[in-house]
Amino acid sequence: LKTLELISAPGFFEALGAKTERLVSGLTGAARAAGVPLTSNQVGGMFGIFFSDAEKVTNYAQATACDQERFKAFFHAMLEHGVYLAPSAFEAGFVSAAHSDADIQATLDAAAAALR
């Protein structure tokens, strides 16, 4: 019941979407700064990242054309920096209300290091 109470609060989903947008924008910015092609999709607290110079990835054929080896290397580098992402480039990531601004920033710092 507590979960229903929390998600019923005014602005809950807007805040969750904004937090996810901050993460996704930071990831794409870190990739851009490192000269790494990366695109992303986001809906609410759910996101996907794809190592590709495509503007958007919206289907399986586009997803399979992305750089799977680069995703694998990024996944392992993020683990080394203490951040666990979904292990497959075909899986979504999720941000929750439990993730703090400090968590988001730590993830972005880890990504900047992992993308170097």
PDB file of N, CA and C in Angstrom:
ATOM      1  N   LEU A   1       0.808  -1.186   0.000  1.00  0.00           N
ATOM      2  CA  LEU A   1       0.000   0.000   0.000  1.00  0.00           C
ATOM      3  C   LEU A   1       0.861   1.263   0.000  1.00  0.00           C
ATOM      4  N   LYS A   2       2.016   1.181   0.655  1.00  0.00           N
ATOM      5  CA  LYS A   2       2.888   2.347   0.718  1.00  0.00           C
ATOM      6  C   LYS A   2       3.346   2.745  -0.687  1.00  0.00           C
ATOM      7  N   THR A   3       3.623   1.766  -1.531  1.00  0.00           N
ATOM      8  CA  THR A   3       4.050   2.065  -2.904  1.00  0.00           C
ATOM      9  C   THR A   3       2.963   2.826  -3.640  1.00  0.00           C
ATOM     10  N   LEU A   4       1.727   2.380  -3.512  1.00  0.00           N
ATOM     11  CA  LEU A   4       0.614   3.074  -4.164  1.00  0.00           C
ATOM     12  C   LEU A   4       0.486   4.505  -3.653  1.00  0.00           C
ATOM     13  N   GLU A   5       0.718   4.673  -2.371  1.00  0.00           N
ATOM     14  CA  GLU A   5       0.668   6.022  -1.798  1.00  0.00           C
ATOM     15  C   GLU A   5       1.769   6.901  -2.407  1.00  0.00           C
ATOM     16  N   LEU A   6       2.970   6.356  -2.504  1.00  0.00           N
ATOM     17  CA  LEU A   6       4.096   7.130  -3.043  1.00  0.00           C
ATOM     18  C   LEU A   6       3.889   7.502  -4.508  1.00  0.00           C
ATOM     19  N   ILE A   7       3.456   6.537  -5.312  1.00  0.00           N
ATOM     20  CA  ILE A   7       3.313   6.834  -6.743  1.00  0.00           C
ATOM     21  C   ILE A   7       2.079   7.676  -7.044  1.00  0.00           C
ATOM     22  N   SER A   8       1.177   7.779  -6.067  1.00  0.00           N
ATOM     23  CA  SER A   8      -0.006   8.630  -6.245  1.00  0.00           C
ATOM     24  C   SER A   8       0.270  10.092  -5.911  1.00  0.00           C
ATOM     25  N   ALA A   9       1.425  10.354  -5.339  1.00  0.00           N
ATOM     26  CA  ALA A   9       1.752  11.732  -4.954  1.00  0.00           C
ATOM     27  C   ALA A   9       1.863  12.608  -6.194  1.00  0.00           C
ATOM     28  N   PRO A  10       1.360  13.828  -6.121  1.00  0.00           N
ATOM     29  CA  PRO A  10       1.457  14.736  -7.269  1.00  0.00           C
ATOM     30  C   PRO A  10       2.917  14.920  -7.702  1.00  0.00           C
ATOM     31  N   GLY A  11       3.144  14.790  -8.992  1.00  0.00           N
ATOM     32  CA  GLY A  11       4.472  15.017  -9.546  1.00  0.00           C
ATOM     33  C   GLY A  11       5.422  13.839  -9.484  1.00  0.00           C
ATOM     34  N   PHE A  12       4.979  12.702  -8.931  1.00  0.00           N
ATOM     35  CA  PHE A  12       5.880  11.555  -8.789  1.00  0.00           C
ATOM     36  C   PHE A  12       6.471  11.133 -10.130  1.00  0.00           C
ATOM     37  N   PHE A  13       5.620  10.889 -11.108  1.00  0.00           N
ATOM     38  CA  PHE A  13       6.110  10.379 -12.390  1.00  0.00           C
ATOM     39  C   PHE A  13       6.866  11.444 -13.179  1.00  0.00           C
ATOM     40  N   GLU A  14       6.494  12.691 -13.009  1.00  0.00           N
ATOM     41  CA  GLU A  14       7.238  13.774 -13.664  1.00  0.00           C
ATOM     42  C   GLU A  14       8.658  13.841 -13.110  1.00  0.00           C
ATOM     43  N   ALA A  15       8.786  13.724 -11.790  1.00  0.00           N
ATOM     44  CA  ALA A  15      10.108  13.756 -11.156  1.00  0.00           C
ATOM     45  C   ALA A  15      10.943  12.548 -11.575  1.00  0.00           C
ATOM     46  N   LEU A  16      10.300  11.394 -11.669  1.00  0.00           N
ATOM     47  CA  LEU A  16      11.011  10.189 -12.104  1.00  0.00           C
ATOM     48  C   LEU A  16      11.509  10.351 -13.537  1.00  0.00           C
ATOM     49  N   GLY A  17      10.668  10.871 -14.409  1.00  0.00           N
ATOM     50  CA  GLY A  17      11.067  11.110 -15.794  1.00  0.00           C
ATOM     51  C   GLY A  17      12.204  12.108 -15.896  1.00  0.00           C
ATOM     52  N   ALA A  18      12.156  13.154 -15.075  1.00  0.00           N
ATOM     53  CA  ALA A  18      13.217  14.169 -15.090  1.00  0.00           C
ATOM     54  C   ALA A  18      14.536  13.582 -14.607  1.00  0.00           C
ATOM     55  N   LYS A  19      14.474  12.733 -13.593  1.00  0.00           N
ATOM     56  CA  LYS A  19      15.681  12.087 -13.078  1.00  0.00           C
ATOM     57  C   LYS A  19      16.285  11.174 -14.148  1.00  0.00           C
ATOM     58  N   THR A  20      15.440  10.439 -14.836  1.00  0.00           N
ATOM     59  CA  THR A  20      15.912   9.550 -15.896  1.00  0.00           C
ATOM     60  C   THR A  20      16.482  10.355 -17.050  1.00  0.00           C
ATOM     61  N   GLU A  21      15.839  11.457 -17.387  1.00  0.00           N
ATOM     62  CA  GLU A  21      16.337  12.332 -18.451  1.00  0.00           C
ATOM     63  C   GLU A  21      17.719  12.874 -18.101  1.00  0.00           C
ATOM     64  N   ARG A  22      17.923  13.228 -16.840  1.00  0.00           N
ATOM     65  CA  ARG A  22      19.247  13.710 -16.418  1.00  0.00           C
ATOM     66  C   ARG A  22      20.302  12.630 -16.627  1.00  0.00           C
ATOM     67  N   LEU A  23      19.975  11.397 -16.261  1.00  0.00           N
ATOM     68  CA  LEU A  23      20.914  10.292 -16.451  1.00  0.00           C
ATOM     69  C   LEU A  23      21.208  10.081 -17.930  1.00  0.00           C
ATOM     70  N   VAL A  24      20.169   9.971 -18.729  1.00  0.00           N
ATOM     71  CA  VAL A  24      20.330   9.680 -20.155  1.00  0.00           C
ATOM     72  C   VAL A  24      21.070  10.814 -20.867  1.00  0.00           C
ATOM     73  N   SER A  25      20.721  12.043 -20.558  1.00  0.00           N
ATOM     74  CA  SER A  25      21.421  13.184 -21.162  1.00  0.00           C
ATOM     75  C   SER A  25      22.889  13.192 -20.764  1.00  0.00           C
ATOM     76  N   GLY A  26      23.149  12.859 -19.518  1.00  0.00           N
ATOM     77  CA  GLY A  26      24.531  12.795 -19.054  1.00  0.00           C
ATOM     78  C   GLY A  26      25.324  11.693 -19.723  1.00  0.00           C
ATOM     79  N   LEU A  27      24.687  10.548 -19.939  1.00  0.00           N
ATOM     80  CA  LEU A  27      25.363   9.443 -20.627  1.00  0.00           C
ATOM     81  C   LEU A  27      25.686   9.811 -22.068  1.00  0.00           C
ATOM     82  N   THR A  28      24.724  10.399 -22.760  1.00  0.00           N
ATOM     83  CA  THR A  28      24.984  10.780 -24.153  1.00  0.00           C
ATOM     84  C   THR A  28      26.014  11.900 -24.217  1.00  0.00           C
ATOM     85  N   GLY A  29      25.996  12.802 -23.258  1.00  0.00           N
ATOM     86  CA  GLY A  29      26.995  13.866 -23.214  1.00  0.00           C
ATOM     87  C   GLY A  29      28.392  13.331 -22.953  1.00  0.00           C
ATOM     88  N   ALA A  30      28.509  12.374 -22.042  1.00  0.00           N
ATOM     89  CA  ALA A  30      29.808  11.764 -21.751  1.00  0.00           C
ATOM     90  C   ALA A  30      30.339  11.028 -22.974  1.00  0.00           C
ATOM     91  N   ALA A  31      29.455  10.348 -23.677  1.00  0.00           N
ATOM     92  CA  ALA A  31      29.869   9.644 -24.897  1.00  0.00           C
ATOM     93  C   ALA A  31      30.325  10.641 -25.955  1.00  0.00           C
ATOM     94  N   ARG A  32      29.570  11.700 -26.127  1.00  0.00           N
ATOM     95  CA  ARG A  32      29.922  12.728 -27.113  1.00  0.00           C
ATOM     96  C   ARG A  32      31.301  13.307 -26.793  1.00  0.00           C
ATOM     97  N   ALA A  33      31.533  13.606 -25.509  1.00  0.00           N
ATOM     98  CA  ALA A  33      32.816  14.171 -25.082  1.00  0.00           C
ATOM     99  C   ALA A  33      33.972  13.208 -25.348  1.00  0.00           C
ATOM    100  N   ALA A  34      33.684  11.910 -25.292  1.00  0.00           N
ATOM    101  CA  ALA A  34      34.713  10.897 -25.537  1.00  0.00           C
ATOM    102  C   ALA A  34      34.813  10.524 -27.015  1.00  0.00           C
ATOM    103  N   GLY A  35      33.963  11.116 -27.846  1.00  0.00           N
ATOM    104  CA  GLY A  35      33.974  10.791 -29.270  1.00  0.00           C
ATOM    105  C   GLY A  35      33.390   9.428 -29.590  1.00  0.00           C
ATOM    106  N   VAL A  36      32.488   8.974 -28.731  1.00  0.00           N
ATOM    107  CA  VAL A  36      31.870   7.653 -28.888  1.00  0.00           C
ATOM    108  C   VAL A  36      30.431   7.831 -29.356  1.00  0.00           C
ATOM    109  N   PRO A  37      30.055   7.193 -30.468  1.00  0.00           N
ATOM    110  CA  PRO A  37      28.667   7.313 -30.926  1.00  0.00           C
ATOM    111  C   PRO A  37      27.713   6.550 -29.999  1.00  0.00           C
ATOM    112  N   LEU A  38      26.742   7.265 -29.458  1.00  0.00           N
ATOM    113  CA  LEU A  38      25.779   6.664 -28.541  1.00  0.00           C
ATOM    114  C   LEU A  38      24.451   7.364 -28.730  1.00  0.00           C
ATOM    115  N   THR A  39      23.405   6.586 -28.821  1.00  0.00           N
ATOM    116  CA  THR A  39      22.056   7.143 -28.872  1.00  0.00           C
ATOM    117  C   THR A  39      21.248   6.497 -27.757  1.00  0.00           C
ATOM    118  N   SER A  40      20.143   7.108 -27.420  1.00  0.00           N
ATOM    119  CA  SER A  40      19.354   6.597 -26.305  1.00  0.00           C
ATOM    120  C   SER A  40      17.871   6.784 -26.561  1.00  0.00           C
ATOM    121  N   ASN A  41      17.104   5.996 -25.848  1.00  0.00           N
ATOM    122  CA  ASN A  41      15.649   6.118 -25.818  1.00  0.00           C
ATOM    123  C   ASN A  41      15.245   6.168 -24.354  1.00  0.00           C
ATOM    124  N   GLN A  42      14.187   6.904 -24.053  1.00  0.00           N
ATOM    125  CA  GLN A  42      13.722   7.001 -22.679  1.00  0.00           C
ATOM    126  C   GLN A  42      12.218   7.194 -22.644  1.00  0.00           C
ATOM    127  N   VAL A  43      11.572   6.478 -21.743  1.00  0.00           N
ATOM    128  CA  VAL A  43      10.154   6.679 -21.440  1.00  0.00           C
ATOM    129  C   VAL A  43      10.024   6.567 -19.929  1.00  0.00           C
ATOM    130  N   GLY A  44       9.619   7.645 -19.289  1.00  0.00           N
ATOM    131  CA  GLY A  44       9.481   7.619 -17.836  1.00  0.00           C
ATOM    132  C   GLY A  44      10.786   7.235 -17.178  1.00  0.00           C
ATOM    133  N   GLY A  45      10.758   6.214 -16.348  1.00  0.00           N
ATOM    134  CA  GLY A  45      11.948   5.742 -15.656  1.00  0.00           C
ATOM    135  C   GLY A  45      12.706   4.656 -16.386  1.00  0.00           C
ATOM    136  N   MET A  46      12.316   4.362 -17.611  1.00  0.00           N
ATOM    137  CA  MET A  46      12.949   3.297 -18.393  1.00  0.00           C
ATOM    138  C   MET A  46      13.785   3.918 -19.507  1.00  0.00           C
ATOM    139  N   PHE A  47      14.967   3.338 -19.753  1.00  0.00           N
ATOM    140  CA  PHE A  47      15.825   3.874 -20.804  1.00  0.00           C
ATOM    141  C   PHE A  47      16.621   2.760 -21.472  1.00  0.00           C
ATOM    142  N   GLY A  48      17.104   3.057 -22.650  1.00  0.00           N
ATOM    143  CA  GLY A  48      18.006   2.164 -23.365  1.00  0.00           C
ATOM    144  C   GLY A  48      19.118   2.983 -23.981  1.00  0.00           C
ATOM    145  N   ILE A  49      20.317   2.416 -23.998  1.00  0.00           N
ATOM    146  CA  ILE A  49      21.434   3.075 -24.674  1.00  0.00           C
ATOM    147  C   ILE A  49      21.962   2.143 -25.749  1.00  0.00           C
ATOM    148  N   PHE A  50      22.376   2.741 -26.849  1.00  0.00           N
ATOM    149  CA  PHE A  50      22.843   1.976 -27.996  1.00  0.00           C
ATOM    150  C   PHE A  50      24.088   2.640 -28.560  1.00  0.00           C
ATOM    151  N   PHE A  51      25.124   1.873 -28.749  1.00  0.00           N
ATOM    152  CA  PHE A  51      26.345   2.403 -29.348  1.00  0.00           C
ATOM    153  C   PHE A  51      26.160   2.424 -30.855  1.00  0.00           C
ATOM    154  N   SER A  52      25.693   3.574 -31.315  1.00  0.00           N
ATOM    155  CA  SER A  52      25.349   3.764 -32.719  1.00  0.00           C
ATOM    156  C   SER A  52      25.294   5.256 -32.999  1.00  0.00           C
ATOM    157  N   ASP A  53      25.533   5.616 -34.253  1.00  0.00           N
ATOM    158  CA  ASP A  53      25.374   7.023 -34.625  1.00  0.00           C
ATOM    159  C   ASP A  53      23.985   7.300 -35.195  1.00  0.00           C
ATOM    160  N   ALA A  54      23.099   6.298 -35.121  1.00  0.00           N
ATOM    161  CA  ALA A  54      21.705   6.495 -35.539  1.00  0.00           C
ATOM    162  C   ALA A  54      21.039   7.504 -34.607  1.00  0.00           C
ATOM    163  N   GLU A  55      20.088   8.252 -35.137  1.00  0.00           N
ATOM    164  CA  GLU A  55      19.383   9.226 -34.304  1.00  0.00           C
ATOM    165  C   GLU A  55      18.560   8.528 -33.223  1.00  0.00           C
ATOM    166  N   LYS A  56      17.882   7.459 -33.576  1.00  0.00           N
ATOM    167  CA  LYS A  56      17.100   6.651 -32.639  1.00  0.00           C
ATOM    168  C   LYS A  56      17.176   5.191 -33.061  1.00  0.00           C
ATOM    169  N   VAL A  57      17.039   4.310 -32.104  1.00  0.00           N
ATOM    170  CA  VAL A  57      16.938   2.881 -32.356  1.00  0.00           C
ATOM    171  C   VAL A  57      15.530   2.490 -31.931  1.00  0.00           C
ATOM    172  N   THR A  58      14.734   2.026 -32.892  1.00  0.00           N
ATOM    173  CA  THR A  58      13.320   1.765 -32.602  1.00  0.00           C
ATOM    174  C   THR A  58      12.865   0.353 -32.941  1.00  0.00           C
ATOM    175  N   ASN A  59      13.773  -0.492 -33.443  1.00  0.00           N
ATOM    176  CA  ASN A  59      13.352  -1.852 -33.767  1.00  0.00           C
ATOM    177  C   ASN A  59      14.532  -2.813 -33.649  1.00  0.00           C
ATOM    178  N   TYR A  60      14.234  -4.085 -33.744  1.00  0.00           N
ATOM    179  CA  TYR A  60      15.241  -5.125 -33.554  1.00  0.00           C
ATOM    180  C   TYR A  60      16.363  -5.034 -34.582  1.00  0.00           C
ATOM    181  N   ALA A  61      16.025  -4.797 -35.823  1.00  0.00           N
ATOM    182  CA  ALA A  61      17.056  -4.715 -36.866  1.00  0.00           C
ATOM    183  C   ALA A  61      18.034  -3.584 -36.565  1.00  0.00           C
ATOM    184  N   GLN A  62      17.529  -2.450 -36.125  1.00  0.00           N
ATOM    185  CA  GLN A  62      18.411  -1.335 -35.772  1.00  0.00           C
ATOM    186  C   GLN A  62      19.247  -1.674 -34.540  1.00  0.00           C
ATOM    187  N   ALA A  63      18.647  -2.344 -33.582  1.00  0.00           N
ATOM    188  CA  ALA A  63      19.377  -2.710 -32.363  1.00  0.00           C
ATOM    189  C   ALA A  63      20.514  -3.677 -32.668  1.00  0.00           C
ATOM    190  N   THR A  64      20.266  -4.631 -33.550  1.00  0.00           N
ATOM    191  CA  THR A  64      21.320  -5.593 -33.878  1.00  0.00           C
ATOM    192  C   THR A  64      22.437  -4.961 -34.694  1.00  0.00           C
ATOM    193  N   ALA A  65      22.168  -3.824 -35.323  1.00  0.00           N
ATOM    194  CA  ALA A  65      23.201  -3.129 -36.097  1.00  0.00           C
ATOM    195  C   ALA A  65      24.117  -2.287 -35.204  1.00  0.00           C
ATOM    196  N   CYS A  66      23.778  -2.143 -33.939  1.00  0.00           N
ATOM    197  CA  CYS A  66      24.596  -1.352 -33.013  1.00  0.00           C
ATOM    198  C   CYS A  66      25.857  -2.129 -32.634  1.00  0.00           C
ATOM    199  N   ASP A  67      26.806  -1.428 -32.047  1.00  0.00           N
ATOM    200  CA  ASP A  67      28.097  -2.016 -31.687  1.00  0.00           C
ATOM    201  C   ASP A  67      27.961  -2.802 -30.381  1.00  0.00           C
ATOM    202  N   GLN A  68      27.702  -4.110 -30.506  1.00  0.00           N
ATOM    203  CA  GLN A  68      27.503  -4.976 -29.339  1.00  0.00           C
ATOM    204  C   GLN A  68      28.790  -5.143 -28.532  1.00  0.00           C
ATOM    205  N   GLU A  69      29.929  -5.194 -29.214  1.00  0.00           N
ATOM    206  CA  GLU A  69      31.208  -5.341 -28.510  1.00  0.00           C
ATOM    207  C   GLU A  69      31.501  -4.111 -27.652  1.00  0.00           C
ATOM    208  N   ARG A  70      31.196  -2.951 -28.176  1.00  0.00           N
ATOM    209  CA  ARG A  70      31.405  -1.724 -27.398  1.00  0.00           C
ATOM    210  C   ARG A  70      30.481  -1.720 -26.180  1.00  0.00           C
ATOM    211  N   PHE A  71      29.230  -2.181 -26.343  1.00  0.00           N
ATOM    212  CA  PHE A  71      28.330  -2.261 -25.192  1.00  0.00           C
ATOM    213  C   PHE A  71      28.912  -3.199 -24.142  1.00  0.00           C
ATOM    214  N   LYS A  72      29.406  -4.343 -24.587  1.00  0.00           N
ATOM    215  CA  LYS A  72      29.975  -5.321 -23.657  1.00  0.00           C
ATOM    216  C   LYS A  72      31.153  -4.706 -22.887  1.00  0.00           C
ATOM    217  N   ALA A  73      32.028  -4.004 -23.593  1.00  0.00           N
ATOM    218  CA  ALA A  73      33.173  -3.360 -22.941  1.00  0.00           C
ATOM    219  C   ALA A  73      32.696  -2.291 -21.953  1.00  0.00           C
ATOM    220  N   PHE A  74      31.679  -1.525 -22.341  1.00  0.00           N
ATOM    221  CA  PHE A  74      31.128  -0.489 -21.466  1.00  0.00           C
ATOM    222  C   PHE A  74      30.508  -1.117 -20.222  1.00  0.00           C
ATOM    223  N   PHE A  75      29.753  -2.173 -20.403  1.00  0.00           N
ATOM    224  CA  PHE A  75      29.127  -2.878 -19.279  1.00  0.00           C
ATOM    225  C   PHE A  75      30.185  -3.298 -18.264  1.00  0.00           C
ATOM    226  N   HIS A  76      31.261  -3.932 -18.745  1.00  0.00           N
ATOM    227  CA  HIS A  76      32.309  -4.410 -17.838  1.00  0.00           C
ATOM    228  C   HIS A  76      33.075  -3.252 -17.192  1.00  0.00           C
ATOM    229  N   ALA A  77      33.312  -2.187 -17.939  1.00  0.00           N
ATOM    230  CA  ALA A  77      33.987  -1.016 -17.369  1.00  0.00           C
ATOM    231  C   ALA A  77      33.120  -0.376 -16.287  1.00  0.00           C
ATOM    232  N   MET A  78      31.821  -0.331 -16.510  1.00  0.00           N
ATOM    233  CA  MET A  78      30.924   0.227 -15.493  1.00  0.00           C
ATOM    234  C   MET A  78      30.935  -0.645 -14.233  1.00  0.00           C
ATOM    235  N   LEU A  79      30.976  -1.960 -14.400  1.00  0.00           N
ATOM    236  CA  LEU A  79      31.082  -2.845 -13.237  1.00  0.00           C
ATOM    237  C   LEU A  79      32.339  -2.527 -12.438  1.00  0.00           C
ATOM    238  N   GLU A  80      33.445  -2.312 -13.142  1.00  0.00           N
ATOM    239  CA  GLU A  80      34.710  -1.988 -12.472  1.00  0.00           C
ATOM    240  C   GLU A  80      34.606  -0.679 -11.691  1.00  0.00           C
ATOM    241  N   HIS A  81      33.698   0.190 -12.112  1.00  0.00           N
ATOM    242  CA  HIS A  81      33.485   1.455 -11.414  1.00  0.00           C
ATOM    243  C   HIS A  81      32.307   1.387 -10.435  1.00  0.00           C
ATOM    244  N   GLY A  82      31.806   0.178 -10.172  1.00  0.00           N
ATOM    245  CA  GLY A  82      30.777  -0.004  -9.160  1.00  0.00           C
ATOM    246  C   GLY A  82      29.344   0.223  -9.604  1.00  0.00           C
ATOM    247  N   VAL A  83      29.118   0.263 -10.927  1.00  0.00           N
ATOM    248  CA  VAL A  83      27.766   0.490 -11.442  1.00  0.00           C
ATOM    249  C   VAL A  83      27.319  -0.749 -12.211  1.00  0.00           C
ATOM    250  N   TYR A  84      26.197  -1.317 -11.797  1.00  0.00           N
ATOM    251  CA  TYR A  84      25.653  -2.492 -12.476  1.00  0.00           C
ATOM    252  C   TYR A  84      24.544  -2.061 -13.424  1.00  0.00           C
ATOM    253  N   LEU A  85      24.759  -2.327 -14.707  1.00  0.00           N
ATOM    254  CA  LEU A  85      23.743  -2.095 -15.737  1.00  0.00           C
ATOM    255  C   LEU A  85      23.208  -3.440 -16.196  1.00  0.00           C
ATOM    256  N   ALA A  86      22.108  -3.432 -16.914  1.00  0.00           N
ATOM    257  CA  ALA A  86      21.622  -4.664 -17.529  1.00  0.00           C
ATOM    258  C   ALA A  86      22.737  -5.196 -18.434  1.00  0.00           C
ATOM    259  N   PRO A  87      23.022  -6.495 -18.393  1.00  0.00           N
ATOM    260  CA  PRO A  87      24.183  -7.028 -19.100  1.00  0.00           C
ATOM    261  C   PRO A  87      24.038  -7.187 -20.611  1.00  0.00           C
ATOM    262  N   SER A  88      22.875  -6.951 -21.145  1.00  0.00           N
ATOM    263  CA  SER A  88      22.667  -7.094 -22.586  1.00  0.00           C
ATOM    264  C   SER A  88      22.270  -5.758 -23.196  1.00  0.00           C
ATOM    265  N   ALA A  89      22.792  -5.499 -24.367  1.00  0.00           N
ATOM    266  CA  ALA A  89      22.433  -4.273 -25.087  1.00  0.00           C
ATOM    267  C   ALA A  89      20.955  -4.262 -25.474  1.00  0.00           C
ATOM    268  N   PHE A  90      20.300  -5.396 -25.373  1.00  0.00           N
ATOM    269  CA  PHE A  90      18.893  -5.497 -25.750  1.00  0.00           C
ATOM    270  C   PHE A  90      17.953  -5.325 -24.555  1.00  0.00           C
ATOM    271  N   GLU A  91      18.502  -5.060 -23.383  1.00  0.00           N
ATOM    272  CA  GLU A  91      17.695  -4.881 -22.179  1.00  0.00           C
ATOM    273  C   GLU A  91      17.567  -3.407 -21.836  1.00  0.00           C
ATOM    274  N   ALA A  92      16.501  -3.077 -21.163  1.00  0.00           N
ATOM    275  CA  ALA A  92      16.288  -1.699 -20.706  1.00  0.00           C
ATOM    276  C   ALA A  92      16.933  -1.499 -19.343  1.00  0.00           C
ATOM    277  N   GLY A  93      17.251  -0.252 -19.062  1.00  0.00           N
ATOM    278  CA  GLY A  93      17.689   0.143 -17.734  1.00  0.00           C
ATOM    279  C   GLY A  93      16.535   0.861 -17.052  1.00  0.00           C
ATOM    280  N   PHE A  94      16.571   0.905 -15.739  1.00  0.00           N
ATOM    281  CA  PHE A  94      15.483   1.529 -14.987  1.00  0.00           C
ATOM    282  C   PHE A  94      16.034   2.436 -13.898  1.00  0.00           C
ATOM    283  N   VAL A  95      15.441   3.588 -13.773  1.00  0.00           N
ATOM    284  CA  VAL A  95      15.709   4.505 -12.673  1.00  0.00           C
ATOM    285  C   VAL A  95      14.485   4.440 -11.770  1.00  0.00           C
ATOM    286  N   SER A  96      14.716   4.488 -10.469  1.00  0.00           N
ATOM    287  CA  SER A  96      13.590   4.465  -9.531  1.00  0.00           C
ATOM    288  C   SER A  96      13.648   5.680  -8.620  1.00  0.00           C
ATOM    289  N   ALA A  97      12.604   5.852  -7.855  1.00  0.00           N
ATOM    290  CA  ALA A  97      12.560   6.953  -6.898  1.00  0.00           C
ATOM    291  C   ALA A  97      13.641   6.790  -5.834  1.00  0.00           C
ATOM    292  N   ALA A  98      14.134   5.580  -5.645  1.00  0.00           N
ATOM    293  CA  ALA A  98      15.181   5.335  -4.654  1.00  0.00           C
ATOM    294  C   ALA A  98      16.540   5.861  -5.102  1.00  0.00           C
ATOM    295  N   HIS A  99      16.732   6.073  -6.400  1.00  0.00           N
ATOM    296  CA  HIS A  99      18.004   6.609  -6.891  1.00  0.00           C
ATOM    297  C   HIS A  99      18.096   8.097  -6.550  1.00  0.00           C
ATOM    298  N   SER A 100      19.150   8.446  -5.847  1.00  0.00           N
ATOM    299  CA  SER A 100      19.346   9.840  -5.439  1.00  0.00           C
ATOM    300  C   SER A 100      20.095  10.616  -6.524  1.00  0.00           C
ATOM    301  N   ASP A 101      20.135  11.927  -6.366  1.00  0.00           N
ATOM    302  CA  ASP A 101      20.936  12.743  -7.283  1.00  0.00           C
ATOM    303  C   ASP A 101      22.400  12.321  -7.214  1.00  0.00           C
ATOM    304  N   ALA A 102      22.867  11.951  -6.020  1.00  0.00           N
ATOM    305  CA  ALA A 102      24.248  11.480  -5.863  1.00  0.00           C
ATOM    306  C   ALA A 102      24.464  10.176  -6.627  1.00  0.00           C
ATOM    307  N   ASP A 103      23.469   9.285  -6.624  1.00  0.00           N
ATOM    308  CA  ASP A 103      23.568   8.037  -7.392  1.00  0.00           C
ATOM    309  C   ASP A 103      23.676   8.329  -8.885  1.00  0.00           C
ATOM    310  N   ILE A 104      22.854   9.248  -9.360  1.00  0.00           N
ATOM    311  CA  ILE A 104      22.883   9.609 -10.782  1.00  0.00           C
ATOM    312  C   ILE A 104      24.246  10.193 -11.129  1.00  0.00           C
ATOM    313  N   GLN A 105      24.751  11.092 -10.292  1.00  0.00           N
ATOM    314  CA  GLN A 105      26.049  11.707 -10.568  1.00  0.00           C
ATOM    315  C   GLN A 105      27.172  10.675 -10.526  1.00  0.00           C
ATOM    316  N   ALA A 106      27.130   9.754  -9.577  1.00  0.00           N
ATOM    317  CA  ALA A 106      28.150   8.701  -9.499  1.00  0.00           C
ATOM    318  C   ALA A 106      28.120   7.840 -10.755  1.00  0.00           C
ATOM    319  N   THR A 107      26.934   7.574 -11.267  1.00  0.00           N
ATOM    320  CA  THR A 107      26.801   6.798 -12.503  1.00  0.00           C
ATOM    321  C   THR A 107      27.392   7.564 -13.676  1.00  0.00           C
ATOM    322  N   LEU A 108      27.126   8.855 -13.744  1.00  0.00           N
ATOM    323  CA  LEU A 108      27.673   9.675 -14.831  1.00  0.00           C
ATOM    324  C   LEU A 108      29.190   9.784 -14.736  1.00  0.00           C
ATOM    325  N   ASP A 109      29.718   9.897 -13.530  1.00  0.00           N
ATOM    326  CA  ASP A 109      31.171   9.937 -13.350  1.00  0.00           C
ATOM    327  C   ASP A 109      31.799   8.618 -13.796  1.00  0.00           C
ATOM    328  N   ALA A 110      31.164   7.512 -13.427  1.00  0.00           N
ATOM    329  CA  ALA A 110      31.659   6.199 -13.838  1.00  0.00           C
ATOM    330  C   ALA A 110      31.609   6.057 -15.355  1.00  0.00           C
ATOM    331  N   ALA A 111      30.534   6.535 -15.962  1.00  0.00           N
ATOM    332  CA  ALA A 111      30.399   6.443 -17.421  1.00  0.00           C
ATOM    333  C   ALA A 111      31.473   7.260 -18.122  1.00  0.00           C
ATOM    334  N   ALA A 112      31.743   8.461 -17.615  1.00  0.00           N
ATOM    335  CA  ALA A 112      32.784   9.297 -18.226  1.00  0.00           C
ATOM    336  C   ALA A 112      34.127   8.575 -18.189  1.00  0.00           C
ATOM    337  N   ALA A 113      34.423   7.923 -17.070  1.00  0.00           N
ATOM    338  CA  ALA A 113      35.675   7.172 -16.961  1.00  0.00           C
ATOM    339  C   ALA A 113      35.654   5.938 -17.862  1.00  0.00           C
ATOM    340  N   ALA A 114      34.534   5.247 -17.909  1.00  0.00           N
ATOM    341  CA  ALA A 114      34.428   4.021 -18.712  1.00  0.00           C
ATOM    342  C   ALA A 114      34.512   4.297 -20.207  1.00  0.00           C
ATOM    343  N   LEU A 115      34.100   5.465 -20.622  1.00  0.00           N
ATOM    344  CA  LEU A 115      34.086   5.799 -22.054  1.00  0.00           C
ATOM    345  C   LEU A 115      35.422   6.351 -22.552  1.00  0.00           C
ATOM    346  N   ARG A 116      36.357   6.599 -21.657  1.00  0.00           N
ATOM    347  CA  ARG A 116      37.671   7.123 -22.074  1.00  0.00           C
ATOM    348  C   ARG A 116      38.486   6.071 -22.762  1.00  0.00           C
TER     349      ARG A 116
END
